[in-house]
Amino acid sequence: MKPLKIIFAGTPEFAAVALRALLASPHEVCAVYTQPDRPAGRGRKLTAGPVKQAALAHKVPVYQPQTLRDAAVQAALLAHEADVMVVVAYGLILPVEVLQAPQHGCINIHASLLPRWRGAAPIQRAIIAGDTATGITIIQMDKGLDTGAMLERRPCEISADETGGQLHDRLAALGAEAVLSTLAQISDGTVKGEAQDDALACYAHKIDKKEALIDWHRAADEIRRQVNAFNPWPVAYTLLPDGQRLRVWQVLSISGDNDAAPGTVIDATKAGIDVATGNGVLRLLQVQLPGGRQVSSSDFLNAFALECGARLGG
């Protein structure tokens, strides 16, 4: 395999996993493109993202343009004379001029088995929908949104209680493995693309924080998937009788019929807080009050009086 000259474009930790794998490979990462630094933490100090941090640690030149539509930015990118550009959760639209700049174009690591879950939040949407499997797809990027030819697909199962964070980490590692395999095929001239079936496509809309509010009229299993998908962000929550927001980190669907109104606390013991839903009962296992730390429901009940019959909002 002949090592390739690669431009890498990405921003969050999901992308940084792939970048670190490329940096450890025989390939040459000649430049890294990433989003401008963003305010973070209580002090709102400008902070470099995970991809930038990884690039700087390996002394790779970093570029942070506001847009890739600028002619000067495009000229600088073209000047690298890269064989291929690897794009992972970058966050900027790539115009045609950029897509065509490298010899082998741009390839993307996408966290679903395309054409299912095109778009911004494939990991969370797969969990919310109750999918039992997902995976990684490496695509040859085109002008559409995740519509390019599939170069490699790697499936993986989704366990019943897997969180968004856990699935994120597994798919990040799988994506790094898959892109190295695809790059080897590009280098050897054996890579083949398979067109997506647009009729099977569905869209993974960006997560809105408003979606984190629990609607107790929904079924217990639906709420369980919501809680799992939104762990560690934006974290599902409900409202206590006094109006405080209670973040819900971990839950369990339990069997049993009840006639209580949705949102009613029907039991509160060391085992957890059992809440009536539109269909079934949901047991809260790990919760968090504003300004507090994540605790077990048992520890929460030691500090907060939540009696049976109380109604949770949302």
C-alpha atoms as a PDB file:
ATOM      1  CA  MET A   1       0.000   0.000   0.000  1.00  0.00           C
ATOM      2  CA  LYS A   2       1.323   3.407  -0.975  1.00  0.00           C
ATOM      3  CA  PRO A   3       0.800   5.951   1.844  1.00  0.00           C
ATOM      4  CA  LEU A   4      -1.615   8.733   0.954  1.00  0.00           C
ATOM      5  CA  LYS A   5      -1.341  12.461   1.557  1.00  0.00           C
ATOM      6  CA  ILE A   6      -4.458  13.381   3.531  1.00  0.00           C
ATOM      7  CA  ILE A   7      -6.287  16.544   4.515  1.00  0.00           C
ATOM      8  CA  PHE A   8      -8.442  15.892   7.569  1.00  0.00           C
ATOM      9  CA  ALA A   9     -11.570  17.888   8.414  1.00  0.00           C
ATOM     10  CA  GLY A  10     -13.482  17.420  11.665  1.00  0.00           C
ATOM     11  CA  THR A  11     -14.186  19.000  15.023  1.00  0.00           C
ATOM     12  CA  PRO A  12     -15.523  16.884  17.952  1.00  0.00           C
ATOM     13  CA  GLU A  13     -14.163  13.839  19.768  1.00  0.00           C
ATOM     14  CA  PHE A  14     -15.871  11.455  17.341  1.00  0.00           C
ATOM     15  CA  ALA A  15     -13.650  12.914  14.608  1.00  0.00           C
ATOM     16  CA  ALA A  16     -10.562  13.068  16.827  1.00  0.00           C
ATOM     17  CA  VAL A  17     -10.640   9.273  17.226  1.00  0.00           C
ATOM     18  CA  ALA A  18     -10.290   8.896  13.458  1.00  0.00           C
ATOM     19  CA  LEU A  19      -7.607  11.588  13.276  1.00  0.00           C
ATOM     20  CA  ARG A  20      -5.491   9.882  15.929  1.00  0.00           C
ATOM     21  CA  ALA A  21      -5.773   6.601  13.992  1.00  0.00           C
ATOM     22  CA  LEU A  22      -4.620   8.326  10.804  1.00  0.00           C
ATOM     23  CA  LEU A  23      -1.726   9.996  12.618  1.00  0.00           C
ATOM     24  CA  ALA A  24      -0.602   6.571  13.837  1.00  0.00           C
ATOM     25  CA  SER A  25      -0.850   5.081  10.332  1.00  0.00           C
ATOM     26  CA  PRO A  26       1.657   5.187   7.441  1.00  0.00           C
ATOM     27  CA  HIS A  27      -0.423   7.922   5.784  1.00  0.00           C
ATOM     28  CA  GLU A  28       0.614  11.581   5.930  1.00  0.00           C
ATOM     29  CA  VAL A  29      -1.864  14.044   7.420  1.00  0.00           C
ATOM     30  CA  CYS A  30      -0.648  17.255   5.814  1.00  0.00           C
ATOM     31  CA  ALA A  31      -3.316  19.600   7.180  1.00  0.00           C
ATOM     32  CA  VAL A  32      -6.258  19.653   9.559  1.00  0.00           C
ATOM     33  CA  TYR A  33      -9.363  21.781   9.064  1.00  0.00           C
ATOM     34  CA  THR A  34     -11.608  22.312  12.065  1.00  0.00           C
ATOM     35  CA  GLN A  35     -14.241  24.703  13.398  1.00  0.00           C
ATOM     36  CA  PRO A  36     -13.094  27.967  15.026  1.00  0.00           C
ATOM     37  CA  ASP A  37     -12.511  27.794  18.785  1.00  0.00           C
ATOM     38  CA  ARG A  38     -15.719  28.139  20.815  1.00  0.00           C
ATOM     39  CA  PRO A  39     -16.430  29.533  24.313  1.00  0.00           C
ATOM     40  CA  ALA A  40     -16.570  26.743  26.891  1.00  0.00           C
ATOM     41  CA  GLY A  41     -16.808  26.291  30.650  1.00  0.00           C
ATOM     42  CA  ARG A  42     -18.102  28.701  33.250  1.00  0.00           C
ATOM     43  CA  GLY A  43     -15.602  31.353  32.195  1.00  0.00           C
ATOM     44  CA  ARG A  44     -16.684  31.022  28.544  1.00  0.00           C
ATOM     45  CA  LYS A  45     -13.030  30.988  27.514  1.00  0.00           C
ATOM     46  CA  LEU A  46     -12.274  30.233  23.859  1.00  0.00           C
ATOM     47  CA  THR A  47     -11.343  26.564  23.762  1.00  0.00           C
ATOM     48  CA  ALA A  48      -9.859  24.362  21.044  1.00  0.00           C
ATOM     49  CA  GLY A  49     -11.927  21.360  20.036  1.00  0.00           C
ATOM     50  CA  PRO A  50     -10.677  17.764  20.322  1.00  0.00           C
ATOM     51  CA  VAL A  51      -9.530  17.596  16.688  1.00  0.00           C
ATOM     52  CA  LYS A  52      -7.474  20.762  16.977  1.00  0.00           C
ATOM     53  CA  GLN A  53      -5.911  19.532  20.206  1.00  0.00           C
ATOM     54  CA  ALA A  54      -4.921  16.229  18.573  1.00  0.00           C
ATOM     55  CA  ALA A  55      -3.487  18.018  15.542  1.00  0.00           C
ATOM     56  CA  LEU A  56      -1.422  20.442  17.604  1.00  0.00           C
ATOM     57  CA  ALA A  57      -0.088  17.595  19.730  1.00  0.00           C
ATOM     58  CA  HIS A  58       1.321  16.065  16.527  1.00  0.00           C
ATOM     59  CA  LYS A  59       2.460  19.415  15.085  1.00  0.00           C
ATOM     60  CA  VAL A  60       0.080  19.210  12.114  1.00  0.00           C
ATOM     61  CA  PRO A  61      -0.890  22.590  10.565  1.00  0.00           C
ATOM     62  CA  VAL A  62      -4.393  23.632  11.628  1.00  0.00           C
ATOM     63  CA  TYR A  63      -6.800  25.780   9.600  1.00  0.00           C
ATOM     64  CA  GLN A  64     -10.027  27.196  11.065  1.00  0.00           C
ATOM     65  CA  PRO A  65     -11.848  29.134   8.340  1.00  0.00           C
ATOM     66  CA  GLN A  66     -15.346  30.452   8.971  1.00  0.00           C
ATOM     67  CA  THR A  67     -16.350  29.164   5.532  1.00  0.00           C
ATOM     68  CA  LEU A  68     -14.908  27.079   2.714  1.00  0.00           C
ATOM     69  CA  ARG A  69     -16.634  29.175   0.052  1.00  0.00           C
ATOM     70  CA  ASP A  70     -13.912  31.827   0.087  1.00  0.00           C
ATOM     71  CA  ALA A  71     -11.635  31.644  -2.983  1.00  0.00           C
ATOM     72  CA  ALA A  72      -8.475  32.257  -0.946  1.00  0.00           C
ATOM     73  CA  VAL A  73      -9.378  29.462   1.477  1.00  0.00           C
ATOM     74  CA  GLN A  74      -9.997  27.108  -1.437  1.00  0.00           C
ATOM     75  CA  ALA A  75      -6.689  28.038  -3.047  1.00  0.00           C
ATOM     76  CA  ALA A  76      -4.824  27.299   0.204  1.00  0.00           C
ATOM     77  CA  LEU A  77      -6.544  23.926   0.485  1.00  0.00           C
ATOM     78  CA  LEU A  78      -5.771  23.063  -3.134  1.00  0.00           C
ATOM     79  CA  ALA A  79      -2.113  23.992  -2.614  1.00  0.00           C
ATOM     80  CA  HIS A  80      -1.666  20.997  -0.279  1.00  0.00           C
ATOM     81  CA  GLU A  81      -2.026  18.718  -3.337  1.00  0.00           C
ATOM     82  CA  ALA A  82      -3.642  16.038  -1.185  1.00  0.00           C
ATOM     83  CA  ASP A  83      -4.585  12.613  -2.458  1.00  0.00           C
ATOM     84  CA  VAL A  84      -7.803  12.576  -0.454  1.00  0.00           C
ATOM     85  CA  MET A  85      -9.703  14.559   2.180  1.00  0.00           C
ATOM     86  CA  VAL A  86     -11.219  12.680   5.130  1.00  0.00           C
ATOM     87  CA  VAL A  87     -14.232  14.459   6.617  1.00  0.00           C
ATOM     88  CA  VAL A  88     -15.788  13.538   9.969  1.00  0.00           C
ATOM     89  CA  ALA A  89     -18.371  15.694  11.759  1.00  0.00           C
ATOM     90  CA  TYR A  90     -16.717  18.852  10.468  1.00  0.00           C
ATOM     91  CA  GLY A  91     -19.702  21.192  10.630  1.00  0.00           C
ATOM     92  CA  LEU A  92     -19.077  23.236   7.466  1.00  0.00           C
ATOM     93  CA  ILE A  93     -20.583  22.684   4.021  1.00  0.00           C
ATOM     94  CA  LEU A  94     -18.033  21.593   1.434  1.00  0.00           C
ATOM     95  CA  PRO A  95     -18.582  23.394  -1.889  1.00  0.00           C
ATOM     96  CA  VAL A  96     -17.948  21.611  -5.184  1.00  0.00           C
ATOM     97  CA  GLU A  97     -14.535  23.265  -5.495  1.00  0.00           C
ATOM     98  CA  VAL A  98     -13.421  21.584  -2.259  1.00  0.00           C
ATOM     99  CA  LEU A  99     -15.071  18.255  -3.026  1.00  0.00           C
ATOM    100  CA  GLN A 100     -13.058  18.074  -6.241  1.00  0.00           C
ATOM    101  CA  ALA A 101      -9.777  19.474  -4.894  1.00  0.00           C
ATOM    102  CA  PRO A 102      -8.011  16.250  -3.787  1.00  0.00           C
ATOM    103  CA  GLN A 103      -7.080  13.665  -6.417  1.00  0.00           C
ATOM    104  CA  HIS A 104      -9.519  11.115  -4.975  1.00  0.00           C
ATOM    105  CA  GLY A 105     -12.055  13.641  -3.729  1.00  0.00           C
ATOM    106  CA  CYS A 106     -13.489  13.696  -0.208  1.00  0.00           C
ATOM    107  CA  ILE A 107     -14.652  10.732   1.848  1.00  0.00           C
ATOM    108  CA  ASN A 108     -16.825  10.902   4.934  1.00  0.00           C
ATOM    109  CA  ILE A 109     -17.216   8.723   8.021  1.00  0.00           C
ATOM    110  CA  HIS A 110     -20.933   8.590   8.831  1.00  0.00           C
ATOM    111  CA  ALA A 111     -22.341   7.009  12.017  1.00  0.00           C
ATOM    112  CA  SER A 112     -25.161   4.948  10.544  1.00  0.00           C
ATOM    113  CA  LEU A 113     -25.803   2.287   7.943  1.00  0.00           C
ATOM    114  CA  LEU A 114     -26.773   4.574   5.109  1.00  0.00           C
ATOM    115  CA  PRO A 115     -29.173   5.375   3.594  1.00  0.00           C
ATOM    116  CA  ARG A 116     -30.830   5.093   7.020  1.00  0.00           C
ATOM    117  CA  TRP A 117     -30.301   8.140   9.237  1.00  0.00           C
ATOM    118  CA  ARG A 118     -28.713  10.671   6.943  1.00  0.00           C
ATOM    119  CA  GLY A 119     -28.100  13.937   8.769  1.00  0.00           C
ATOM    120  CA  ALA A 120     -26.757  15.440  11.958  1.00  0.00           C
ATOM    121  CA  ALA A 121     -27.787  13.083  14.777  1.00  0.00           C
ATOM    122  CA  PRO A 122     -27.764   9.474  13.538  1.00  0.00           C
ATOM    123  CA  ILE A 123     -26.625   7.958  16.831  1.00  0.00           C
ATOM    124  CA  GLN A 124     -29.390   9.449  18.991  1.00  0.00           C
ATOM    125  CA  ARG A 125     -32.094   8.962  16.350  1.00  0.00           C
ATOM    126  CA  ALA A 126     -31.267   5.277  16.000  1.00  0.00           C
ATOM    127  CA  ILE A 127     -31.660   4.731  19.749  1.00  0.00           C
ATOM    128  CA  ILE A 128     -34.864   6.778  20.001  1.00  0.00           C
ATOM    129  CA  ALA A 129     -36.382   4.828  17.103  1.00  0.00           C
ATOM    130  CA  GLY A 130     -35.636   1.532  18.821  1.00  0.00           C
ATOM    131  CA  ASP A 131     -33.247   0.314  16.120  1.00  0.00           C
ATOM    132  CA  THR A 132     -31.460  -2.886  17.110  1.00  0.00           C
ATOM    133  CA  ALA A 133     -28.532  -2.264  14.780  1.00  0.00           C
ATOM    134  CA  THR A 134     -26.589   0.598  13.255  1.00  0.00           C
ATOM    135  CA  GLY A 135     -23.031   0.995  12.039  1.00  0.00           C
ATOM    136  CA  ILE A 136     -20.534   3.031  10.063  1.00  0.00           C
ATOM    137  CA  THR A 137     -20.650   3.961   6.410  1.00  0.00           C
ATOM    138  CA  ILE A 138     -17.722   5.449   4.502  1.00  0.00           C
ATOM    139  CA  ILE A 139     -19.044   7.468   1.575  1.00  0.00           C
ATOM    140  CA  GLN A 140     -17.610   9.325  -1.375  1.00  0.00           C
ATOM    141  CA  MET A 141     -18.937  12.800  -0.727  1.00  0.00           C
ATOM    142  CA  ASP A 142     -21.052  14.617  -3.299  1.00  0.00           C
ATOM    143  CA  LYS A 143     -23.184  17.766  -3.269  1.00  0.00           C
ATOM    144  CA  GLY A 144     -26.024  16.088  -1.347  1.00  0.00           C
ATOM    145  CA  LEU A 145     -26.400  15.502   2.385  1.00  0.00           C
ATOM    146  CA  ASP A 146     -24.903  12.058   3.064  1.00  0.00           C
ATOM    147  CA  THR A 147     -26.051  10.902  -0.382  1.00  0.00           C
ATOM    148  CA  GLY A 148     -22.735   9.802  -1.883  1.00  0.00           C
ATOM    149  CA  ALA A 149     -21.714   6.350  -3.036  1.00  0.00           C
ATOM    150  CA  MET A 150     -21.000   3.897  -0.210  1.00  0.00           C
ATOM    151  CA  LEU A 151     -17.403   2.682  -0.141  1.00  0.00           C
ATOM    152  CA  GLU A 152     -17.619   0.557   3.004  1.00  0.00           C
ATOM    153  CA  ARG A 153     -20.306  -0.380   5.544  1.00  0.00           C
ATOM    154  CA  ARG A 154     -19.644  -1.894   8.967  1.00  0.00           C
ATOM    155  CA  PRO A 155     -22.659  -2.922  11.079  1.00  0.00           C
ATOM    156  CA  CYS A 156     -22.902  -3.195  14.863  1.00  0.00           C
ATOM    157  CA  GLU A 157     -25.700  -4.089  17.251  1.00  0.00           C
ATOM    158  CA  ILE A 158     -27.360  -1.657  19.640  1.00  0.00           C
ATOM    159  CA  SER A 159     -27.943  -3.181  23.072  1.00  0.00           C
ATOM    160  CA  ALA A 160     -31.254  -2.579  24.842  1.00  0.00           C
ATOM    161  CA  ASP A 161     -29.882  -0.137  27.423  1.00  0.00           C
ATOM    162  CA  GLU A 162     -26.999   1.379  25.472  1.00  0.00           C
ATOM    163  CA  THR A 163     -26.630   5.127  25.928  1.00  0.00           C
ATOM    164  CA  GLY A 164     -25.867   7.663  23.247  1.00  0.00           C
ATOM    165  CA  GLY A 165     -22.423   8.136  24.770  1.00  0.00           C
ATOM    166  CA  GLN A 166     -21.613   4.432  24.785  1.00  0.00           C
ATOM    167  CA  LEU A 167     -22.742   3.943  21.195  1.00  0.00           C
ATOM    168  CA  HIS A 168     -20.848   7.088  20.176  1.00  0.00           C
ATOM    169  CA  ASP A 169     -17.598   5.650  21.524  1.00  0.00           C
ATOM    170  CA  ARG A 170     -18.071   2.274  19.860  1.00  0.00           C
ATOM    171  CA  LEU A 171     -18.926   3.832  16.502  1.00  0.00           C
ATOM    172  CA  ALA A 172     -16.003   6.263  16.716  1.00  0.00           C
ATOM    173  CA  ALA A 173     -13.598   3.332  17.062  1.00  0.00           C
ATOM    174  CA  LEU A 174     -15.376   1.415  14.295  1.00  0.00           C
ATOM    175  CA  GLY A 175     -15.234   4.474  12.040  1.00  0.00           C
ATOM    176  CA  ALA A 176     -11.483   4.770  12.512  1.00  0.00           C
ATOM    177  CA  GLU A 177     -11.023   1.119  11.540  1.00  0.00           C
ATOM    178  CA  ALA A 178     -13.306   1.455   8.523  1.00  0.00           C
ATOM    179  CA  VAL A 179     -11.658   4.578   7.117  1.00  0.00           C
ATOM    180  CA  LEU A 180      -8.198   2.981   7.308  1.00  0.00           C
ATOM    181  CA  SER A 181      -9.562   0.034   5.359  1.00  0.00           C
ATOM    182  CA  THR A 182     -11.128   2.316   2.753  1.00  0.00           C
ATOM    183  CA  LEU A 183      -7.928   4.341   2.387  1.00  0.00           C
ATOM    184  CA  ALA A 184      -5.988   1.132   1.760  1.00  0.00           C
ATOM    185  CA  GLN A 185      -8.429   0.293  -1.043  1.00  0.00           C
ATOM    186  CA  ILE A 186      -8.076   3.795  -2.510  1.00  0.00           C
ATOM    187  CA  SER A 187      -4.306   3.448  -2.418  1.00  0.00           C
ATOM    188  CA  ASP A 188      -4.421   0.039  -4.115  1.00  0.00           C
ATOM    189  CA  GLY A 189      -7.010   1.142  -6.682  1.00  0.00           C
ATOM    190  CA  THR A 190      -9.496  -1.517  -5.561  1.00  0.00           C
ATOM    191  CA  VAL A 191     -12.143   0.704  -3.951  1.00  0.00           C
ATOM    192  CA  LYS A 192     -15.671   0.363  -5.344  1.00  0.00           C
ATOM    193  CA  GLY A 193     -18.676   2.553  -4.680  1.00  0.00           C
ATOM    194  CA  GLU A 194     -22.268   1.394  -4.285  1.00  0.00           C
ATOM    195  CA  ALA A 195     -25.104   3.822  -4.927  1.00  0.00           C
ATOM    196  CA  GLN A 196     -27.552   4.414  -2.082  1.00  0.00           C
ATOM    197  CA  ASP A 197     -31.222   3.529  -2.456  1.00  0.00           C
ATOM    198  CA  ASP A 198     -32.892   6.884  -1.841  1.00  0.00           C
ATOM    199  CA  ALA A 199     -36.230   5.144  -1.271  1.00  0.00           C
ATOM    200  CA  LEU A 200     -34.820   3.696   1.980  1.00  0.00           C
ATOM    201  CA  ALA A 201     -33.459   7.005   3.280  1.00  0.00           C
ATOM    202  CA  CYS A 202     -34.585   8.717   6.475  1.00  0.00           C
ATOM    203  CA  TYR A 203     -33.305  11.886   8.084  1.00  0.00           C
ATOM    204  CA  ALA A 204     -31.683  12.276  11.508  1.00  0.00           C
ATOM    205  CA  HIS A 205     -32.621  15.808  12.493  1.00  0.00           C
ATOM    206  CA  LYS A 206     -30.300  17.770  14.769  1.00  0.00           C
ATOM    207  CA  ILE A 207     -31.120  17.321  18.455  1.00  0.00           C
ATOM    208  CA  ASP A 208     -33.092  20.205  19.986  1.00  0.00           C
ATOM    209  CA  LYS A 209     -32.730  20.688  23.744  1.00  0.00           C
ATOM    210  CA  LYS A 210     -36.528  20.974  23.942  1.00  0.00           C
ATOM    211  CA  GLU A 211     -36.733  17.278  23.056  1.00  0.00           C
ATOM    212  CA  ALA A 212     -35.114  16.417  26.397  1.00  0.00           C
ATOM    213  CA  LEU A 213     -38.302  17.178  28.384  1.00  0.00           C
ATOM    214  CA  ILE A 214     -40.020  13.894  29.269  1.00  0.00           C
ATOM    215  CA  ASP A 215     -43.655  13.529  28.228  1.00  0.00           C
ATOM    216  CA  TRP A 216     -45.091  11.045  30.708  1.00  0.00           C
ATOM    217  CA  HIS A 217     -48.046  10.337  28.416  1.00  0.00           C
ATOM    218  CA  ARG A 218     -45.702   8.391  26.169  1.00  0.00           C
ATOM    219  CA  ALA A 219     -45.005   4.692  26.729  1.00  0.00           C
ATOM    220  CA  ALA A 220     -42.373   3.648  29.265  1.00  0.00           C
ATOM    221  CA  ASP A 221     -40.185   2.041  26.592  1.00  0.00           C
ATOM    222  CA  GLU A 222     -40.271   5.193  24.468  1.00  0.00           C
ATOM    223  CA  ILE A 223     -39.168   7.314  27.421  1.00  0.00           C
ATOM    224  CA  ARG A 224     -36.449   4.792  28.289  1.00  0.00           C
ATOM    225  CA  ARG A 225     -35.033   5.134  24.774  1.00  0.00           C
ATOM    226  CA  GLN A 226     -35.221   8.933  25.057  1.00  0.00           C
ATOM    227  CA  VAL A 227     -33.266   8.853  28.326  1.00  0.00           C
ATOM    228  CA  ASN A 228     -30.662   6.515  26.853  1.00  0.00           C
ATOM    229  CA  ALA A 229     -30.267   8.504  23.638  1.00  0.00           C
ATOM    230  CA  PHE A 230     -29.813  11.831  25.448  1.00  0.00           C
ATOM    231  CA  ASN A 231     -27.143  10.530  27.838  1.00  0.00           C
ATOM    232  CA  PRO A 232     -24.695  12.342  28.051  1.00  0.00           C
ATOM    233  CA  TRP A 233     -26.284  15.236  26.089  1.00  0.00           C
ATOM    234  CA  PRO A 234     -28.658  17.018  26.356  1.00  0.00           C
ATOM    235  CA  VAL A 235     -29.893  14.715  29.193  1.00  0.00           C
ATOM    236  CA  ALA A 236     -33.601  13.963  29.571  1.00  0.00           C
ATOM    237  CA  TYR A 237     -35.394  15.766  32.383  1.00  0.00           C
ATOM    238  CA  THR A 238     -38.702  16.212  34.140  1.00  0.00           C
ATOM    239  CA  LEU A 239     -40.106  18.804  36.551  1.00  0.00           C
ATOM    240  CA  LEU A 240     -40.583  18.120  40.239  1.00  0.00           C
ATOM    241  CA  PRO A 241     -43.782  19.265  41.986  1.00  0.00           C
ATOM    242  CA  ASP A 242     -41.949  22.390  43.227  1.00  0.00           C
ATOM    243  CA  GLY A 243     -40.924  23.273  39.665  1.00  0.00           C
ATOM    244  CA  GLN A 244     -37.270  22.222  39.940  1.00  0.00           C
ATOM    245  CA  ARG A 245     -35.779  20.498  36.952  1.00  0.00           C
ATOM    246  CA  LEU A 246     -34.729  16.902  37.625  1.00  0.00           C
ATOM    247  CA  ARG A 247     -32.308  15.449  35.122  1.00  0.00           C
ATOM    248  CA  VAL A 248     -32.831  11.748  34.479  1.00  0.00           C
ATOM    249  CA  TRP A 249     -29.711   9.765  33.607  1.00  0.00           C
ATOM    250  CA  GLN A 250     -30.743   6.145  33.935  1.00  0.00           C
ATOM    251  CA  VAL A 251     -34.089   4.360  33.985  1.00  0.00           C
ATOM    252  CA  LEU A 252     -35.625   0.910  33.790  1.00  0.00           C
ATOM    253  CA  SER A 253     -38.940  -0.159  32.283  1.00  0.00           C
ATOM    254  CA  ILE A 254     -40.723  -2.457  34.722  1.00  0.00           C
ATOM    255  CA  SER A 255     -43.738  -4.678  34.249  1.00  0.00           C
ATOM    256  CA  GLY A 256     -47.047  -4.076  35.957  1.00  0.00           C
ATOM    257  CA  ASP A 257     -50.364  -2.407  35.264  1.00  0.00           C
ATOM    258  CA  ASN A 258     -51.476   0.783  36.950  1.00  0.00           C
ATOM    259  CA  ASP A 259     -54.373   3.200  36.709  1.00  0.00           C
ATOM    260  CA  ALA A 260     -52.476   6.258  37.889  1.00  0.00           C
ATOM    261  CA  ALA A 261     -52.276   9.342  35.717  1.00  0.00           C
ATOM    262  CA  PRO A 262     -49.094   9.660  33.644  1.00  0.00           C
ATOM    263  CA  GLY A 263     -46.337  11.315  35.660  1.00  0.00           C
ATOM    264  CA  THR A 264     -47.629  10.072  39.011  1.00  0.00           C
ATOM    265  CA  VAL A 265     -45.070   8.666  41.448  1.00  0.00           C
ATOM    266  CA  ILE A 266     -46.509   5.282  42.408  1.00  0.00           C
ATOM    267  CA  ASP A 267     -43.582   4.076  44.499  1.00  0.00           C
ATOM    268  CA  ALA A 268     -40.388   5.574  45.924  1.00  0.00           C
ATOM    269  CA  THR A 269     -37.991   3.133  47.574  1.00  0.00           C
ATOM    270  CA  LYS A 270     -34.313   2.208  47.652  1.00  0.00           C
ATOM    271  CA  ALA A 271     -34.916   0.323  44.406  1.00  0.00           C
ATOM    272  CA  GLY A 272     -35.863   3.539  42.612  1.00  0.00           C
ATOM    273  CA  ILE A 273     -38.665   5.984  41.853  1.00  0.00           C
ATOM    274  CA  ASP A 274     -41.515   4.326  39.938  1.00  0.00           C
ATOM    275  CA  VAL A 275     -43.490   6.671  37.693  1.00  0.00           C
ATOM    276  CA  ALA A 276     -46.671   5.929  35.783  1.00  0.00           C
ATOM    277  CA  THR A 277     -46.509   6.536  32.031  1.00  0.00           C
ATOM    278  CA  GLY A 278     -49.000   6.374  29.191  1.00  0.00           C
ATOM    279  CA  ASN A 279     -48.216   2.690  28.922  1.00  0.00           C
ATOM    280  CA  GLY A 280     -46.306   0.915  31.672  1.00  0.00           C
ATOM    281  CA  VAL A 281     -44.120   2.051  34.565  1.00  0.00           C
ATOM    282  CA  LEU A 282     -40.700   3.669  34.413  1.00  0.00           C
ATOM    283  CA  ARG A 283     -38.251   3.349  37.309  1.00  0.00           C
ATOM    284  CA  LEU A 284     -35.813   6.241  37.755  1.00  0.00           C
ATOM    285  CA  LEU A 285     -32.404   4.934  38.827  1.00  0.00           C
ATOM    286  CA  GLN A 286     -29.968   7.854  38.431  1.00  0.00           C
ATOM    287  CA  VAL A 287     -31.045  11.507  38.714  1.00  0.00           C
ATOM    288  CA  GLN A 288     -29.573  14.967  39.256  1.00  0.00           C
ATOM    289  CA  LEU A 289     -30.854  18.218  40.752  1.00  0.00           C
ATOM    290  CA  PRO A 290     -29.721  21.621  39.426  1.00  0.00           C
ATOM    291  CA  GLY A 291     -26.239  22.399  40.736  1.00  0.00           C
ATOM    292  CA  GLY A 292     -25.908  18.923  42.217  1.00  0.00           C
ATOM    293  CA  ARG A 293     -24.175  15.781  41.114  1.00  0.00           C
ATOM    294  CA  GLN A 294     -25.627  12.674  39.551  1.00  0.00           C
ATOM    295  CA  VAL A 295     -26.879  10.339  42.319  1.00  0.00           C
ATOM    296  CA  SER A 296     -28.879   7.175  42.726  1.00  0.00           C
ATOM    297  CA  SER A 297     -32.602   7.617  43.248  1.00  0.00           C
ATOM    298  CA  SER A 298     -32.113   6.164  46.729  1.00  0.00           C
ATOM    299  CA  ASP A 299     -29.651   8.925  47.652  1.00  0.00           C
ATOM    300  CA  PHE A 300     -31.941  11.503  46.077  1.00  0.00           C
ATOM    301  CA  LEU A 301     -34.850  10.348  48.241  1.00  0.00           C
ATOM    302  CA  ASN A 302     -32.703  10.690  51.367  1.00  0.00           C
ATOM    303  CA  ALA A 303     -32.372  14.402  50.665  1.00  0.00           C
ATOM    304  CA  PHE A 304     -35.640  15.194  48.891  1.00  0.00           C
ATOM    305  CA  ALA A 305     -39.110  14.271  50.112  1.00  0.00           C
ATOM    306  CA  LEU A 306     -40.918  12.817  47.112  1.00  0.00           C
ATOM    307  CA  GLU A 307     -44.033  10.993  48.202  1.00  0.00           C
ATOM    308  CA  CYS A 308     -46.256   8.544  46.386  1.00  0.00           C
ATOM    309  CA  GLY A 309     -48.999  10.360  44.536  1.00  0.00           C
ATOM    310  CA  ALA A 310     -46.745  13.306  43.633  1.00  0.00           C
ATOM    311  CA  ARG A 311     -46.924  14.384  39.994  1.00  0.00           C
ATOM    312  CA  LEU A 312     -43.915  14.962  37.822  1.00  0.00           C
ATOM    313  CA  GLY A 313     -44.294  17.523  35.087  1.00  0.00           C
ATOM    314  CA  GLY A 314     -43.697  17.379  31.356  1.00  0.00           C
END
